[in-house]
Every structure is written in C-alpha cells, then in structure tokens.
C-alpha atoms as a PDB file:
ATOM      1  CA  UNK A   1      55.205  54.500  49.839  1.00  0.00           C
ATOM      2  CA  UNK A   2      56.050  50.830  49.427  1.00  0.00           C
ATOM      3  CA  UNK A   3      53.502  49.035  47.235  1.00  0.00           C
ATOM      4  CA  UNK A   4      52.957  45.254  47.301  1.00  0.00           C
ATOM      5  CA  UNK A   5      50.619  43.041  45.294  1.00  0.00           C
ATOM      6  CA  UNK A   6      47.983  41.074  47.203  1.00  0.00           C
ATOM      7  CA  UNK A   7      44.834  39.064  46.654  1.00  0.00           C
ATOM      8  CA  UNK A   8      41.713  38.620  48.790  1.00  0.00           C
ATOM      9  CA  UNK A   9      41.873  34.983  49.943  1.00  0.00           C
ATOM     10  CA  UNK A  10      38.866  34.860  52.249  1.00  0.00           C
ATOM     11  CA  UNK A  11      36.102  37.042  53.656  1.00  0.00           C
ATOM     12  CA  UNK A  12      34.196  36.374  56.865  1.00  0.00           C
ATOM     13  CA  UNK A  13      31.980  38.583  58.952  1.00  0.00           C
ATOM     14  CA  UNK A  14      34.319  41.370  59.992  1.00  0.00           C
ATOM     15  CA  UNK A  15      37.571  39.775  58.768  1.00  0.00           C
ATOM     16  CA  UNK A  16      39.358  39.467  55.443  1.00  0.00           C
ATOM     17  CA  UNK A  17      42.457  37.375  54.691  1.00  0.00           C
ATOM     18  CA  UNK A  18      44.995  38.828  52.267  1.00  0.00           C
ATOM     19  CA  UNK A  19      48.152  37.287  50.817  1.00  0.00           C
ATOM     20  CA  UNK A  20      50.579  37.727  47.961  1.00  0.00           C
ATOM     21  CA  UNK A  21      53.817  36.460  46.498  1.00  0.00           C
ATOM     22  CA  UNK A  22      55.717  38.788  48.861  1.00  0.00           C
ATOM     23  CA  UNK A  23      53.164  38.733  51.682  1.00  0.00           C
ATOM     24  CA  UNK A  24      52.327  35.756  53.909  1.00  0.00           C
ATOM     25  CA  UNK A  25      48.572  35.350  54.520  1.00  0.00           C
ATOM     26  CA  UNK A  26      47.289  37.640  57.248  1.00  0.00           C
ATOM     27  CA  UNK A  27      43.914  38.661  58.655  1.00  0.00           C
ATOM     28  CA  UNK A  28      42.637  42.209  58.645  1.00  0.00           C
ATOM     29  CA  UNK A  29      39.595  43.564  60.473  1.00  0.00           C
ATOM     30  CA  UNK A  30      37.187  44.729  57.795  1.00  0.00           C
ATOM     31  CA  UNK A  31      33.618  45.406  58.800  1.00  0.00           C
ATOM     32  CA  UNK A  32      32.663  47.065  55.518  1.00  0.00           C
ATOM     33  CA  UNK A  33      34.804  45.397  52.848  1.00  0.00           C
ATOM     34  CA  UNK A  34      33.173  45.527  49.407  1.00  0.00           C
ATOM     35  CA  UNK A  35      35.919  43.725  47.453  1.00  0.00           C
ATOM     36  CA  UNK A  36      35.127  40.113  46.416  1.00  0.00           C
ATOM     37  CA  UNK A  37      37.214  37.049  47.203  1.00  0.00           C
ATOM     38  CA  UNK A  38      39.879  36.550  44.538  1.00  0.00           C
ATOM     39  CA  UNK A  39      40.191  40.263  43.784  1.00  0.00           C
ATOM     40  CA  UNK A  40      43.658  41.733  43.327  1.00  0.00           C
ATOM     41  CA  UNK A  41      44.713  44.616  45.550  1.00  0.00           C
ATOM     42  CA  UNK A  42      47.763  46.733  46.254  1.00  0.00           C
ATOM     43  CA  UNK A  43      48.974  47.130  49.831  1.00  0.00           C
ATOM     44  CA  UNK A  44      50.627  50.461  50.583  1.00  0.00           C
ATOM     45  CA  UNK A  45      53.017  50.826  53.509  1.00  0.00           C
ATOM     46  CA  UNK A  46      54.928  53.963  54.394  1.00  0.00           C
ATOM     47  CA  UNK A  47      58.614  53.464  55.337  1.00  0.00           C
ATOM     48  CA  UNK A  48      58.088  54.994  58.788  1.00  0.00           C
ATOM     49  CA  UNK A  49      55.426  52.375  59.608  1.00  0.00           C
ATOM     50  CA  UNK A  50      57.597  49.301  58.981  1.00  0.00           C
ATOM     51  CA  UNK A  51      58.929  48.016  62.284  1.00  0.00           C
ATOM     52  CA  UNK A  52      59.208  44.948  64.473  1.00  0.00           C
ATOM     53  CA  UNK A  53      56.531  42.376  63.581  1.00  0.00           C
ATOM     54  CA  UNK A  54      53.809  41.465  66.060  1.00  0.00           C
ATOM     55  CA  UNK A  55      52.673  37.907  66.781  1.00  0.00           C
ATOM     56  CA  UNK A  56      49.799  38.241  64.307  1.00  0.00           C
ATOM     57  CA  UNK A  57      49.137  40.408  61.310  1.00  0.00           C
ATOM     58  CA  UNK A  58      51.205  41.696  58.419  1.00  0.00           C
ATOM     59  CA  UNK A  59      54.746  40.315  58.426  1.00  0.00           C
ATOM     60  CA  UNK A  60      57.461  40.295  55.807  1.00  0.00           C
ATOM     61  CA  UNK A  61      61.036  39.039  55.779  1.00  0.00           C
ATOM     62  CA  UNK A  62      64.001  39.917  53.633  1.00  0.00           C
ATOM     63  CA  UNK A  63      67.665  40.831  53.515  1.00  0.00           C
ATOM     64  CA  UNK A  64      69.035  44.332  54.040  1.00  0.00           C
ATOM     65  CA  UNK A  65      70.813  45.512  50.892  1.00  0.00           C
ATOM     66  CA  UNK A  66      71.813  49.011  51.914  1.00  0.00           C
ATOM     67  CA  UNK A  67      71.499  51.296  54.919  1.00  0.00           C
ATOM     68  CA  UNK A  68      71.472  55.038  54.392  1.00  0.00           C
ATOM     69  CA  UNK A  69      72.360  56.764  57.670  1.00  0.00           C
ATOM     70  CA  UNK A  70      70.999  60.288  58.122  1.00  0.00           C
ATOM     71  CA  UNK A  71      71.811  61.110  61.731  1.00  0.00           C
ATOM     72  CA  UNK A  72      69.217  59.669  64.105  1.00  0.00           C
ATOM     73  CA  UNK A  73      67.190  58.293  61.191  1.00  0.00           C
ATOM     74  CA  UNK A  74      68.331  55.619  58.766  1.00  0.00           C
ATOM     75  CA  UNK A  75      66.680  54.126  55.707  1.00  0.00           C
ATOM     76  CA  UNK A  76      67.125  50.391  55.203  1.00  0.00           C
ATOM     77  CA  UNK A  77      66.540  49.036  51.716  1.00  0.00           C
ATOM     78  CA  UNK A  78      65.299  45.479  52.121  1.00  0.00           C
ATOM     79  CA  UNK A  79      65.050  42.912  49.330  1.00  0.00           C
ATOM     80  CA  UNK A  80      62.074  40.587  49.792  1.00  0.00           C
ATOM     81  CA  UNK A  81      60.486  37.871  47.631  1.00  0.00           C
ATOM     82  CA  UNK A  82      60.051  38.407  43.879  1.00  0.00           C
ATOM     83  CA  UNK A  83      63.087  40.714  43.857  1.00  0.00           C
ATOM     84  CA  UNK A  84      61.046  43.558  45.396  1.00  0.00           C
ATOM     85  CA  UNK A  85      62.918  46.174  47.445  1.00  0.00           C
ATOM     86  CA  UNK A  86      61.163  47.936  50.335  1.00  0.00           C
ATOM     87  CA  UNK A  87      62.291  51.050  52.156  1.00  0.00           C
ATOM     88  CA  UNK A  88      62.056  50.971  55.960  1.00  0.00           C
ATOM     89  CA  UNK A  89      62.756  53.975  58.167  1.00  0.00           C
ATOM     90  CA  UNK A  90      64.751  53.181  61.304  1.00  0.00           C
ATOM     91  CA  UNK A  91      65.084  55.519  64.280  1.00  0.00           C
ATOM     92  CA  UNK A  92      68.016  55.712  66.666  1.00  0.00           C
ATOM     93  CA  UNK A  93      71.588  54.605  66.359  1.00  0.00           C
ATOM     94  CA  UNK A  94      70.964  50.874  66.060  1.00  0.00           C
ATOM     95  CA  UNK A  95      70.335  50.032  62.432  1.00  0.00           C
ATOM     96  CA  UNK A  96      70.846  46.743  60.617  1.00  0.00           C
ATOM     97  CA  UNK A  97      73.821  46.198  58.334  1.00  0.00           C
ATOM     98  CA  UNK A  98      73.868  45.212  54.675  1.00  0.00           C
ATOM     99  CA  UNK A  99      73.460  41.450  54.424  1.00  0.00           C
ATOM    100  CA  UNK A 100      71.477  41.143  57.666  1.00  0.00           C
ATOM    101  CA  UNK A 101      68.227  39.152  57.537  1.00  0.00           C
ATOM    102  CA  UNK A 102      65.306  41.199  58.829  1.00  0.00           C
ATOM    103  CA  UNK A 103      61.649  40.700  59.730  1.00  0.00           C
ATOM    104  CA  UNK A 104      59.279  43.642  59.514  1.00  0.00           C
ATOM    105  CA  UNK A 105      55.660  44.198  60.400  1.00  0.00           C
ATOM    106  CA  UNK A 106      53.047  46.913  60.145  1.00  0.00           C
ATOM    107  CA  UNK A 107      50.215  47.791  62.488  1.00  0.00           C
ATOM    108  CA  UNK A 108      46.836  47.198  60.897  1.00  0.00           C
ATOM    109  CA  UNK A 109      45.906  50.876  61.143  1.00  0.00           C
ATOM    110  CA  UNK A 110      48.961  51.764  59.003  1.00  0.00           C
ATOM    111  CA  UNK A 111      48.121  49.526  56.030  1.00  0.00           C
ATOM    112  CA  UNK A 112      46.603  51.185  52.979  1.00  0.00           C
ATOM    113  CA  UNK A 113      44.631  49.124  50.466  1.00  0.00           C
ATOM    114  CA  UNK A 114      44.050  50.096  46.845  1.00  0.00           C
ATOM    115  CA  UNK A 115      41.961  48.423  44.169  1.00  0.00           C
ATOM    116  CA  UNK A 116      43.180  47.655  40.647  1.00  0.00           C
ATOM    117  CA  UNK A 117      41.778  51.048  39.626  1.00  0.00           C
ATOM    118  CA  UNK A 118      44.104  52.763  42.125  1.00  0.00           C
ATOM    119  CA  UNK A 119      41.253  53.869  44.388  1.00  0.00           C
ATOM    120  CA  UNK A 120      41.432  53.440  48.161  1.00  0.00           C
ATOM    121  CA  UNK A 121      39.589  50.363  49.473  1.00  0.00           C
ATOM    122  CA  UNK A 122      37.902  51.101  52.823  1.00  0.00           C
ATOM    123  CA  UNK A 123      37.975  48.378  55.460  1.00  0.00           C
ATOM    124  CA  UNK A 124      35.674  49.803  58.096  1.00  0.00           C
END
C-alpha cells in the first residue's frame, strides 16, 4: 500500500478537506469524522486503485521512473513531491514510459485513512 502524509485542513457538516506536501487539497465525504482540524493523518492507497483522475477529489502528479511489465499488468513507479515514490498498477498493453509525466487519482471509496497511532479513521 502507498502511504502519504496528510493533515485535516477543514471540517464542515459531512465534508472534510485534507491536504499534504504530496497531496493537493481535496474534499472527502465524512459524516462521522472524529479527527480534529489540524490533525495529522496517513492516506493509504493500493496500487490497483490508482488510475485516471476525476474532475474532483484526490489527485496526484509525478514522473514515471520505471515500468515493470508483467504481461497484461504493469507496475509504474512514480516519483511525486518530496521525493516520494508511489506504485501504480496498470492494466492492458498501454503503459507509460520512464520519464513520462503522469496524473493519477483515486476514487473516494478506495482511500484509507489512518491516525498517527496507525488505527483506521472511519469517515462514515
């Protein structure tokens, strides 16, 4: 699982805004979010859930460093801000090449939040 640092920027009724040095601010539906504003979190993202970004939500950009081709599945190793490298699983024959810029996103349901104690932070 890819792990990224984040902080709780804002909380409203049913929505929380998260951001980090590697993560642009984004809103997340959170009807039962017990973490205070300013708290540090970890965002967990599985490689198979990184894909094309949507118009809103979690987005990240970087540069492909290496592509490991394994038949119909490839793993792209993407360097993002703060010298962090993410692993993204790509399906099919079309995979990026080393040196290519890339934008990735994750559906809200596929984001995993963890507190500083390593425990899962429920959002709903």
